[in-house]
Amino acid sequence: MSRTAYAGLKPKHQKFVGDYIENGSVAGTYRRAGFKTDGHHAAESNGSRLITRDDVKAAVEERQADRSQTEVDARAGGGAC
């Protein structure tokens, strides 16, 4: 599978994806990515809408798969001396 979904995103969307994977909160993630908002409800609404976009959803899935593979690789190599 080609790893291009994340690279094709705008910088704010990349920040959103990275932060979302770390903490899973769409409202906080939306604000930390640099999007302007008029409060928690607006951030929650806009973040929820952003996470359902096909390009953002694909990037989240891509980064989660990369992260899972990195964790598997680390566990496999962790016992070697």
N, C-alpha and C. Protein backbone atom coordinates (compact mmCIF):
# COMPACT_ATOMS: atom_id res chain seq x y z
N MET A 1 0.85 -1.18 0.00
CA MET A 1 0.00 0.00 0.00
C MET A 1 0.89 1.24 0.00
N SER A 2 0.53 2.21 -0.79
CA SER A 2 1.28 3.45 -0.89
C SER A 2 1.03 4.31 0.34
N ARG A 3 2.06 4.91 0.87
CA ARG A 3 1.95 5.76 2.07
C ARG A 3 1.95 7.22 1.66
N THR A 4 0.86 7.67 1.06
CA THR A 4 0.82 9.04 0.57
C THR A 4 -0.32 9.87 1.13
N ALA A 5 -1.28 9.29 1.80
CA ALA A 5 -2.44 10.06 2.28
C ALA A 5 -2.00 11.19 3.21
N TYR A 6 -1.12 10.90 4.16
CA TYR A 6 -0.66 11.91 5.11
C TYR A 6 0.12 13.02 4.41
N ALA A 7 1.00 12.64 3.51
CA ALA A 7 1.83 13.62 2.80
C ALA A 7 0.99 14.56 1.94
N GLY A 8 -0.17 14.11 1.49
CA GLY A 8 -1.02 14.93 0.65
C GLY A 8 -1.87 15.94 1.39
N LEU A 9 -1.82 15.91 2.72
CA LEU A 9 -2.63 16.84 3.52
C LEU A 9 -1.94 18.18 3.68
N LYS A 10 -2.74 19.21 3.94
CA LYS A 10 -2.21 20.53 4.28
C LYS A 10 -1.58 20.44 5.67
N PRO A 11 -0.63 21.33 5.98
CA PRO A 11 0.06 21.25 7.28
C PRO A 11 -0.86 21.21 8.51
N LYS A 12 -1.92 22.02 8.54
CA LYS A 12 -2.83 21.99 9.69
C LYS A 12 -3.52 20.63 9.80
N HIS A 13 -3.85 20.06 8.66
CA HIS A 13 -4.50 18.75 8.68
C HIS A 13 -3.52 17.68 9.15
N GLN A 14 -2.25 17.80 8.77
CA GLN A 14 -1.23 16.86 9.26
C GLN A 14 -1.10 16.96 10.77
N LYS A 15 -1.09 18.19 11.30
CA LYS A 15 -1.02 18.38 12.75
C LYS A 15 -2.24 17.76 13.42
N PHE A 16 -3.40 17.96 12.82
CA PHE A 16 -4.64 17.40 13.36
C PHE A 16 -4.52 15.88 13.44
N VAL A 17 -4.08 15.24 12.36
CA VAL A 17 -3.96 13.78 12.32
C VAL A 17 -2.99 13.29 13.40
N GLY A 18 -1.82 13.90 13.47
CA GLY A 18 -0.82 13.47 14.46
C GLY A 18 -1.31 13.61 15.88
N ASP A 19 -1.94 14.73 16.19
CA ASP A 19 -2.43 14.96 17.54
C ASP A 19 -3.62 14.06 17.85
N TYR A 20 -4.48 13.85 16.87
CA TYR A 20 -5.65 12.97 17.07
C TYR A 20 -5.20 11.56 17.42
N ILE A 21 -4.18 11.06 16.77
CA ILE A 21 -3.68 9.72 17.05
C ILE A 21 -3.12 9.64 18.47
N GLU A 22 -2.51 10.72 18.93
CA GLU A 22 -1.94 10.74 20.28
C GLU A 22 -2.99 10.81 21.37
N ASN A 23 -4.06 11.61 21.18
CA ASN A 23 -5.00 11.80 22.30
C ASN A 23 -6.45 11.53 21.98
N GLY A 24 -6.85 11.45 20.72
CA GLY A 24 -8.20 11.06 20.36
C GLY A 24 -9.31 12.07 20.62
N SER A 25 -8.98 13.27 21.06
CA SER A 25 -9.99 14.29 21.33
C SER A 25 -10.10 15.22 20.13
N VAL A 26 -11.23 15.19 19.43
CA VAL A 26 -11.34 16.01 18.23
C VAL A 26 -11.37 17.51 18.55
N ALA A 27 -12.00 17.91 19.64
CA ALA A 27 -12.08 19.33 19.97
C ALA A 27 -10.70 19.89 20.32
N GLY A 28 -9.99 19.24 21.22
CA GLY A 28 -8.65 19.70 21.59
C GLY A 28 -7.68 19.61 20.43
N THR A 29 -7.79 18.55 19.67
CA THR A 29 -6.93 18.36 18.52
C THR A 29 -7.17 19.45 17.49
N TYR A 30 -8.41 19.79 17.27
CA TYR A 30 -8.77 20.83 16.30
C TYR A 30 -8.12 22.15 16.68
N ARG A 31 -8.19 22.52 17.94
CA ARG A 31 -7.59 23.78 18.40
C ARG A 31 -6.06 23.73 18.36
N ARG A 32 -5.46 22.63 18.80
CA ARG A 32 -4.00 22.52 18.81
C ARG A 32 -3.41 22.49 17.41
N ALA A 33 -4.19 22.07 16.43
CA ALA A 33 -3.70 22.05 15.06
C ALA A 33 -3.65 23.46 14.46
N GLY A 34 -4.23 24.42 15.16
CA GLY A 34 -4.15 25.80 14.71
C GLY A 34 -5.41 26.35 14.09
N PHE A 35 -6.49 25.58 14.13
CA PHE A 35 -7.75 26.07 13.60
C PHE A 35 -8.39 27.02 14.61
N LYS A 36 -8.94 28.10 14.12
CA LYS A 36 -9.60 29.07 15.00
C LYS A 36 -11.02 28.60 15.27
N THR A 37 -11.47 28.84 16.50
CA THR A 37 -12.79 28.40 16.89
C THR A 37 -13.38 29.34 17.93
N ASP A 38 -14.68 29.37 18.00
CA ASP A 38 -15.37 30.23 18.96
C ASP A 38 -15.78 29.49 20.22
N GLY A 39 -15.14 28.40 20.52
CA GLY A 39 -15.45 27.67 21.74
C GLY A 39 -15.42 26.18 21.54
N HIS A 40 -15.66 25.48 22.64
CA HIS A 40 -15.56 24.02 22.64
C HIS A 40 -16.56 23.37 21.69
N HIS A 41 -17.81 23.85 21.71
CA HIS A 41 -18.83 23.24 20.85
C HIS A 41 -18.46 23.36 19.38
N ALA A 42 -17.99 24.53 18.97
CA ALA A 42 -17.58 24.73 17.58
C ALA A 42 -16.39 23.86 17.24
N ALA A 43 -15.42 23.75 18.15
CA ALA A 43 -14.24 22.91 17.91
C ALA A 43 -14.64 21.44 17.79
N GLU A 44 -15.56 21.01 18.64
CA GLU A 44 -16.05 19.63 18.60
C GLU A 44 -16.75 19.35 17.27
N SER A 45 -17.60 20.26 16.87
CA SER A 45 -18.35 20.11 15.62
C SER A 45 -17.42 20.10 14.40
N ASN A 46 -16.54 21.09 14.34
CA ASN A 46 -15.62 21.19 13.21
C ASN A 46 -14.62 20.04 13.18
N GLY A 47 -14.13 19.66 14.36
CA GLY A 47 -13.20 18.52 14.43
C GLY A 47 -13.86 17.22 14.01
N SER A 48 -15.09 17.03 14.42
CA SER A 48 -15.83 15.83 14.03
C SER A 48 -16.06 15.78 12.53
N ARG A 49 -16.34 16.93 11.96
CA ARG A 49 -16.53 17.00 10.51
C ARG A 49 -15.21 16.72 9.78
N LEU A 50 -14.11 17.27 10.31
CA LEU A 50 -12.80 17.08 9.68
C LEU A 50 -12.36 15.62 9.72
N ILE A 51 -12.61 14.94 10.83
CA ILE A 51 -12.15 13.55 10.98
C ILE A 51 -12.91 12.60 10.06
N THR A 52 -14.06 13.03 9.54
CA THR A 52 -14.83 12.17 8.64
C THR A 52 -14.50 12.41 7.16
N ARG A 53 -13.67 13.42 6.88
CA ARG A 53 -13.26 13.64 5.49
C ARG A 53 -12.43 12.45 5.01
N ASP A 54 -12.65 12.03 3.79
CA ASP A 54 -11.96 10.85 3.27
C ASP A 54 -10.45 10.96 3.34
N ASP A 55 -9.90 12.13 2.98
CA ASP A 55 -8.44 12.27 2.99
C ASP A 55 -7.88 12.23 4.41
N VAL A 56 -8.56 12.85 5.35
CA VAL A 56 -8.10 12.86 6.74
C VAL A 56 -8.26 11.47 7.35
N LYS A 57 -9.39 10.84 7.09
CA LYS A 57 -9.63 9.48 7.60
C LYS A 57 -8.56 8.51 7.09
N ALA A 58 -8.23 8.62 5.80
CA ALA A 58 -7.20 7.75 5.22
C ALA A 58 -5.84 8.02 5.86
N ALA A 59 -5.52 9.28 6.13
CA ALA A 59 -4.25 9.61 6.76
C ALA A 59 -4.19 9.08 8.19
N VAL A 60 -5.30 9.16 8.93
CA VAL A 60 -5.33 8.62 10.29
C VAL A 60 -5.10 7.11 10.25
N GLU A 61 -5.78 6.42 9.36
CA GLU A 61 -5.61 4.97 9.25
C GLU A 61 -4.19 4.61 8.86
N GLU A 62 -3.62 5.37 7.95
CA GLU A 62 -2.25 5.15 7.50
C GLU A 62 -1.25 5.33 8.65
N ARG A 63 -1.39 6.43 9.39
CA ARG A 63 -0.47 6.70 10.50
C ARG A 63 -0.65 5.69 11.64
N GLN A 64 -1.89 5.27 11.89
CA GLN A 64 -2.11 4.25 12.93
C GLN A 64 -1.46 2.94 12.53
N ALA A 65 -1.56 2.57 11.26
CA ALA A 65 -0.93 1.34 10.79
C ALA A 65 0.59 1.44 10.91
N ASP A 66 1.15 2.59 10.56
CA ASP A 66 2.59 2.80 10.70
C ASP A 66 3.01 2.69 12.16
N ARG A 67 2.22 3.30 13.04
CA ARG A 67 2.52 3.28 14.47
C ARG A 67 2.45 1.85 15.02
N SER A 68 1.42 1.12 14.61
CA SER A 68 1.28 -0.27 15.06
C SER A 68 2.46 -1.11 14.60
N GLN A 69 2.88 -0.92 13.36
CA GLN A 69 4.01 -1.68 12.83
C GLN A 69 5.30 -1.33 13.57
N THR A 70 5.49 -0.06 13.90
CA THR A 70 6.66 0.37 14.65
C THR A 70 6.68 -0.29 16.02
N GLU A 71 5.52 -0.37 16.67
CA GLU A 71 5.43 -1.01 17.99
C GLU A 71 5.73 -2.50 17.89
N VAL A 72 5.24 -3.16 16.84
CA VAL A 72 5.52 -4.58 16.64
C VAL A 72 7.01 -4.79 16.40
N ASP A 73 7.59 -3.95 15.56
CA ASP A 73 9.03 -4.05 15.28
C ASP A 73 9.86 -3.84 16.54
N ALA A 74 9.46 -2.88 17.37
CA ALA A 74 10.19 -2.60 18.61
C ALA A 74 10.12 -3.78 19.56
N ARG A 75 8.93 -4.39 19.66
CA ARG A 75 8.80 -5.56 20.55
C ARG A 75 9.61 -6.74 20.03
N ALA A 76 9.63 -6.91 18.74
CA ALA A 76 10.36 -8.04 18.15
C ALA A 76 11.87 -7.87 18.34
N GLY A 77 12.34 -6.64 18.26
CA GLY A 77 13.77 -6.39 18.40
C GLY A 77 14.18 -6.05 19.81
N GLY A 78 13.22 -5.85 20.69
CA GLY A 78 13.52 -5.41 22.05
C GLY A 78 14.26 -6.41 22.89
N GLY A 79 14.11 -7.71 22.60
CA GLY A 79 14.76 -8.72 23.42
C GLY A 79 16.14 -9.11 22.93
N ALA A 80 16.51 -8.62 21.77
CA ALA A 80 17.83 -8.98 21.21
C ALA A 80 18.93 -8.22 21.92
N CYS A 81 20.03 -8.89 22.12
CA CYS A 81 21.20 -8.25 22.75
C CYS A 81 22.33 -8.14 21.79
